[in-house]
Protein backbone atom coordinates (compact mmCIF):
# COMPACT_ATOMS: atom_id res chain seq x y z
CA UNK A 1 -115.43 40.53 -33.73
CA UNK A 2 -116.75 37.93 -34.87
CA UNK A 3 -116.29 34.62 -33.14
CA UNK A 4 -116.67 32.17 -35.99
CA UNK A 5 -112.52 31.97 -38.01
CA UNK A 6 -112.57 33.25 -41.69
CA UNK A 7 -110.09 30.60 -42.87
CA UNK A 8 -111.58 26.85 -43.93
CA UNK A 9 -109.04 25.09 -41.69
CA UNK A 10 -109.86 26.87 -38.80
CA UNK A 11 -113.30 26.95 -39.10
CA UNK A 12 -113.39 23.34 -39.83
CA UNK A 13 -111.16 22.51 -36.13
CA UNK A 14 -113.12 24.91 -34.42
CA UNK A 15 -116.60 23.70 -35.36
CA UNK A 16 -115.77 20.04 -34.50
CA UNK A 17 -115.14 21.02 -31.15
CA UNK A 18 -118.23 23.71 -31.02
CA UNK A 19 -120.49 20.70 -32.20
CA UNK A 20 -118.97 18.08 -30.19
CA UNK A 21 -119.24 19.92 -27.01
CA UNK A 22 -122.69 20.93 -27.59
CA UNK A 23 -123.76 17.68 -28.06
CA UNK A 24 -121.89 16.26 -25.52
CA UNK A 25 -123.62 18.70 -23.00
CA UNK A 26 -127.43 17.91 -24.37
CA UNK A 27 -127.06 14.09 -23.85
CA UNK A 28 -126.27 12.21 -21.12
CA UNK A 29 -123.31 10.35 -21.65
CA UNK A 30 -122.95 6.63 -21.32
CA UNK A 31 -122.66 6.41 -17.56
CA UNK A 32 -125.81 7.27 -17.09
CA UNK A 33 -125.02 10.71 -16.18
CA UNK A 34 -127.30 13.44 -16.96
CA UNK A 35 -126.66 15.89 -18.96
CA UNK A 36 -124.83 19.36 -17.81
CA UNK A 37 -127.62 21.08 -19.55
CA UNK A 38 -130.65 19.73 -18.86
CA UNK A 39 -133.80 20.02 -20.48
CA UNK A 40 -131.90 21.47 -24.32
CA UNK A 41 -133.96 21.18 -27.05
CA UNK A 42 -132.69 17.55 -28.58
CA UNK A 43 -134.11 19.30 -32.33
CA UNK A 44 -132.38 21.72 -31.68
CA UNK A 45 -129.31 20.04 -31.11
CA UNK A 46 -129.60 17.76 -33.78
CA UNK A 47 -129.45 20.50 -36.36
CA UNK A 48 -126.54 21.91 -34.92
CA UNK A 49 -125.16 17.69 -34.99
CA UNK A 50 -126.89 17.62 -38.97
CA UNK A 51 -125.27 20.74 -39.58
CA UNK A 52 -122.12 19.48 -38.48
CA UNK A 53 -121.40 16.43 -40.72
CA UNK A 54 -122.86 18.55 -43.64
CA UNK A 55 -120.19 20.62 -43.57
CA UNK A 56 -117.67 18.07 -42.94
CA UNK A 57 -118.63 15.86 -45.65
CA UNK A 58 -118.58 18.50 -48.19
CA UNK A 59 -115.08 20.03 -46.43
CA UNK A 60 -113.05 16.59 -46.63
CA UNK A 61 -113.37 16.17 -50.50
CA UNK A 62 -111.51 19.90 -50.91
CA UNK A 63 -108.23 19.24 -49.30
CA UNK A 64 -106.90 17.73 -52.32
CA UNK A 65 -107.36 17.78 -55.72
CA UNK A 66 -110.95 19.10 -56.14
CA UNK A 67 -113.57 20.90 -58.91
CA UNK A 68 -114.19 24.27 -59.15
CA UNK A 69 -118.24 22.11 -58.64
CA UNK A 70 -116.51 20.96 -55.56
CA UNK A 71 -115.76 24.20 -53.98
CA UNK A 72 -119.20 25.62 -54.89
CA UNK A 73 -120.83 22.82 -52.74
CA UNK A 74 -118.46 23.31 -49.68
CA UNK A 75 -118.95 27.30 -49.92
CA UNK A 76 -122.91 25.99 -49.88
CA UNK A 77 -122.74 23.88 -47.36
CA UNK A 78 -120.51 26.65 -45.03
CA UNK A 79 -123.25 28.59 -45.87
CA UNK A 80 -125.89 27.00 -44.56
CA UNK A 81 -123.46 26.08 -40.52
CA UNK A 82 -122.87 29.32 -40.07
CA UNK A 83 -126.47 30.55 -39.99
CA UNK A 84 -127.72 27.54 -37.98
CA UNK A 85 -124.52 27.88 -35.82
CA UNK A 86 -125.42 31.72 -35.44
CA UNK A 87 -129.12 31.19 -34.42
CA UNK A 88 -128.13 27.99 -32.11
CA UNK A 89 -125.88 30.34 -30.04
CA UNK A 90 -128.09 33.54 -30.12
CA UNK A 91 -130.96 31.09 -29.01
CA UNK A 92 -129.43 29.04 -26.39
CA UNK A 93 -125.85 29.48 -25.81
CA UNK A 94 -125.85 32.92 -23.67
CA UNK A 95 -127.99 31.64 -21.07
CA UNK A 96 -127.85 29.38 -18.26
CA UNK A 97 -127.81 26.48 -17.97
CA UNK A 98 -124.70 26.68 -19.95
CA UNK A 99 -122.02 28.83 -17.93
CA UNK A 100 -119.35 31.17 -18.94
CA UNK A 101 -116.28 28.11 -18.70
CA UNK A 102 -119.08 26.46 -21.60
CA UNK A 103 -118.63 29.73 -23.31
CA UNK A 104 -114.78 29.76 -22.91
CA UNK A 105 -114.52 25.85 -24.29
CA UNK A 106 -116.72 26.76 -27.04
CA UNK A 107 -114.60 29.73 -28.32
CA UNK A 108 -117.33 31.98 -28.18
CA UNK A 109 -117.24 34.97 -25.99
CA UNK A 110 -119.04 36.28 -22.68
CA UNK A 111 -121.54 39.48 -22.73
CA UNK A 112 -119.67 42.08 -20.68
CA UNK A 113 -121.15 42.45 -17.75
CA UNK A 114 -119.48 46.13 -16.91
CA UNK A 115 -122.18 48.29 -17.90
CA UNK A 116 -119.89 51.16 -20.10
CA UNK A 117 -121.65 54.01 -22.37
CA UNK A 118 -123.03 52.34 -25.80
CA UNK A 119 -120.31 54.61 -27.95
CA UNK A 120 -121.00 55.02 -31.56
CA UNK A 121 -118.99 54.40 -34.61
CA UNK A 122 -118.50 57.71 -36.23
CA UNK A 123 -115.72 56.88 -38.51
CA UNK A 124 -116.01 55.61 -42.22
CA UNK A 125 -113.46 53.04 -44.23
CA UNK A 126 -112.11 54.37 -47.34
CA UNK A 127 -110.31 51.80 -49.17
CA UNK A 128 -108.60 51.21 -53.06
CA UNK A 129 -108.69 47.42 -54.24
CA UNK A 130 -105.50 46.59 -55.71
CA UNK A 131 -104.78 43.50 -57.83
CA UNK A 132 -101.32 41.13 -56.61
CA UNK A 133 -101.81 37.72 -57.71
CA UNK A 134 -103.89 35.49 -59.15
CA UNK A 135 -107.10 34.81 -57.72
CA UNK A 136 -106.32 37.01 -54.60
CA UNK A 137 -107.04 40.84 -54.49
CA UNK A 138 -105.29 43.78 -51.84
CA UNK A 139 -107.47 45.87 -50.35
CA UNK A 140 -105.49 48.80 -48.36
CA UNK A 141 -108.10 50.85 -46.21
CA UNK A 142 -107.74 54.06 -43.43
CA UNK A 143 -110.24 56.25 -42.19
CA UNK A 144 -111.52 58.56 -44.65
CA UNK A 145 -109.80 61.62 -44.17
CA UNK A 146 -106.83 60.85 -42.98
CA UNK A 147 -103.33 61.64 -43.44
CA UNK A 148 -102.34 58.06 -41.94
CA UNK A 149 -103.10 54.23 -42.71
CA UNK A 150 -104.28 53.69 -38.19
CA UNK A 151 -107.26 52.38 -37.31
CA UNK A 152 -109.10 53.84 -34.24
CA UNK A 153 -108.17 54.14 -30.80
CA UNK A 154 -110.52 50.99 -29.45
CA UNK A 155 -111.03 49.61 -32.68
CA UNK A 156 -111.70 46.01 -33.38
CA UNK A 157 -110.34 47.01 -37.23
CA UNK A 158 -112.61 46.77 -40.58
CA UNK A 159 -115.67 44.58 -41.64
CA UNK A 160 -115.95 43.93 -45.24
CA UNK A 161 -118.52 41.95 -47.22
CA UNK A 162 -117.87 41.59 -50.81
CA UNK A 163 -119.44 38.53 -52.97
CA UNK A 164 -118.72 38.05 -56.90
CA UNK A 165 -121.88 39.10 -58.72
CA UNK A 166 -123.30 38.77 -62.26
CA UNK A 167 -124.47 42.49 -62.05
CA UNK A 168 -123.79 45.37 -59.15
CA UNK A 169 -125.56 45.38 -56.37
CA UNK A 170 -128.99 47.10 -55.44
CA UNK A 171 -127.88 47.23 -51.58
CA UNK A 172 -125.75 45.82 -49.12
CA UNK A 173 -127.40 42.95 -48.33
CA UNK A 174 -126.55 41.08 -51.42
CA UNK A 175 -122.86 41.46 -49.92
CA UNK A 176 -122.98 38.05 -48.11
CA UNK A 177 -119.59 36.97 -47.61
CA UNK A 178 -117.59 38.93 -44.75
CA UNK A 179 -113.96 39.15 -42.92
CA UNK A 180 -112.60 41.20 -39.92
CA UNK A 181 -109.73 43.05 -40.52
CA UNK A 182 -107.23 44.80 -37.48
CA UNK A 183 -104.59 46.26 -39.93
CA UNK A 184 -104.09 47.46 -43.25
CA UNK A 185 -103.72 45.39 -46.16
CA UNK A 186 -105.57 42.99 -46.15
CA UNK A 187 -106.07 40.20 -48.86
CA UNK A 188 -109.15 38.32 -50.20
CA UNK A 189 -108.66 35.19 -51.84
CA UNK A 190 -110.73 33.86 -54.55
CA UNK A 191 -111.46 30.16 -56.50
CA UNK A 192 -110.20 29.66 -58.99
CA UNK A 193 -113.53 29.75 -61.02
CA UNK A 194 -114.53 33.21 -60.17
CA UNK A 195 -111.37 34.43 -62.00
CA UNK A 196 -112.56 36.97 -64.49
CA UNK A 197 -116.37 38.10 -62.82
CA UNK A 198 -116.81 41.15 -61.09
CA UNK A 199 -116.42 41.01 -57.23
CA UNK A 200 -118.38 44.20 -55.34
CA UNK A 201 -116.73 45.50 -51.94
CA UNK A 202 -118.11 47.64 -49.05
CA UNK A 203 -116.10 47.93 -45.73
CA UNK A 204 -117.48 49.79 -42.04
CA UNK A 205 -115.28 50.02 -38.59
CA UNK A 206 -115.67 48.25 -36.12
CA UNK A 207 -115.40 49.15 -31.76
CA UNK A 208 -113.85 46.94 -29.59
CA UNK A 209 -118.36 46.71 -27.74
CA UNK A 210 -119.18 45.50 -30.88
CA UNK A 211 -120.37 48.58 -33.08
CA UNK A 212 -120.36 48.75 -36.10
CA UNK A 213 -120.61 52.21 -38.81
CA UNK A 214 -121.95 53.74 -41.91
CA UNK A 215 -120.86 50.99 -44.87
CA UNK A 216 -119.22 52.46 -47.28
CA UNK A 217 -119.55 53.02 -50.79
CA UNK A 218 -119.50 49.16 -52.72
CA UNK A 219 -116.63 48.77 -54.40
CA UNK A 220 -115.44 46.42 -57.24
CA UNK A 221 -112.67 44.52 -58.97
CA UNK A 222 -112.04 42.06 -61.63
CA UNK A 223 -110.62 38.98 -60.17
CA UNK A 224 -107.16 38.16 -61.90
């Protein structure tokens, strides 16, 4: 399951906690006690803090009335922030001196220390895109070939990737937005500036070990 929240409000609260926790544990405190994480790269920690300041500045102006251009800049700031976060977590947060308790407090996953057999994901997602409200599509999904809508046992759900593009994508890598849906149907909301444009969507099952199956075919719809 992805540790970064999907909604901007939840992401803002999560990132605020993460950035402050990282900085407070990487630098000496005001009482000159040694930092809990001595030797943490000041350059890399600084990138996290700058990403937080950048995101916070762009997010705050979207809380009230704002233009589509402001929303676009906020979305760009989030993409920059997530790139910094994921790189930092991968490089530094799963090794000493960072502890399991630290990871729990930062709300990032601990490594599973129990050796279990690697479980491959063979199922494929089959889905239908429906139009319901303005600026919203609904994705109704199930296991391809199944007569029920239940997700496979011991699966987190379906990972959806999508993007609003001017032309059909040549590969799944062009779909940069994502979310994990634990139940069907799943709603995806859009900005007012995206109405009338084409969204392209694909999906894959993910099990509780974090293993993902093959991507489905890419489907499209006009954003209402």
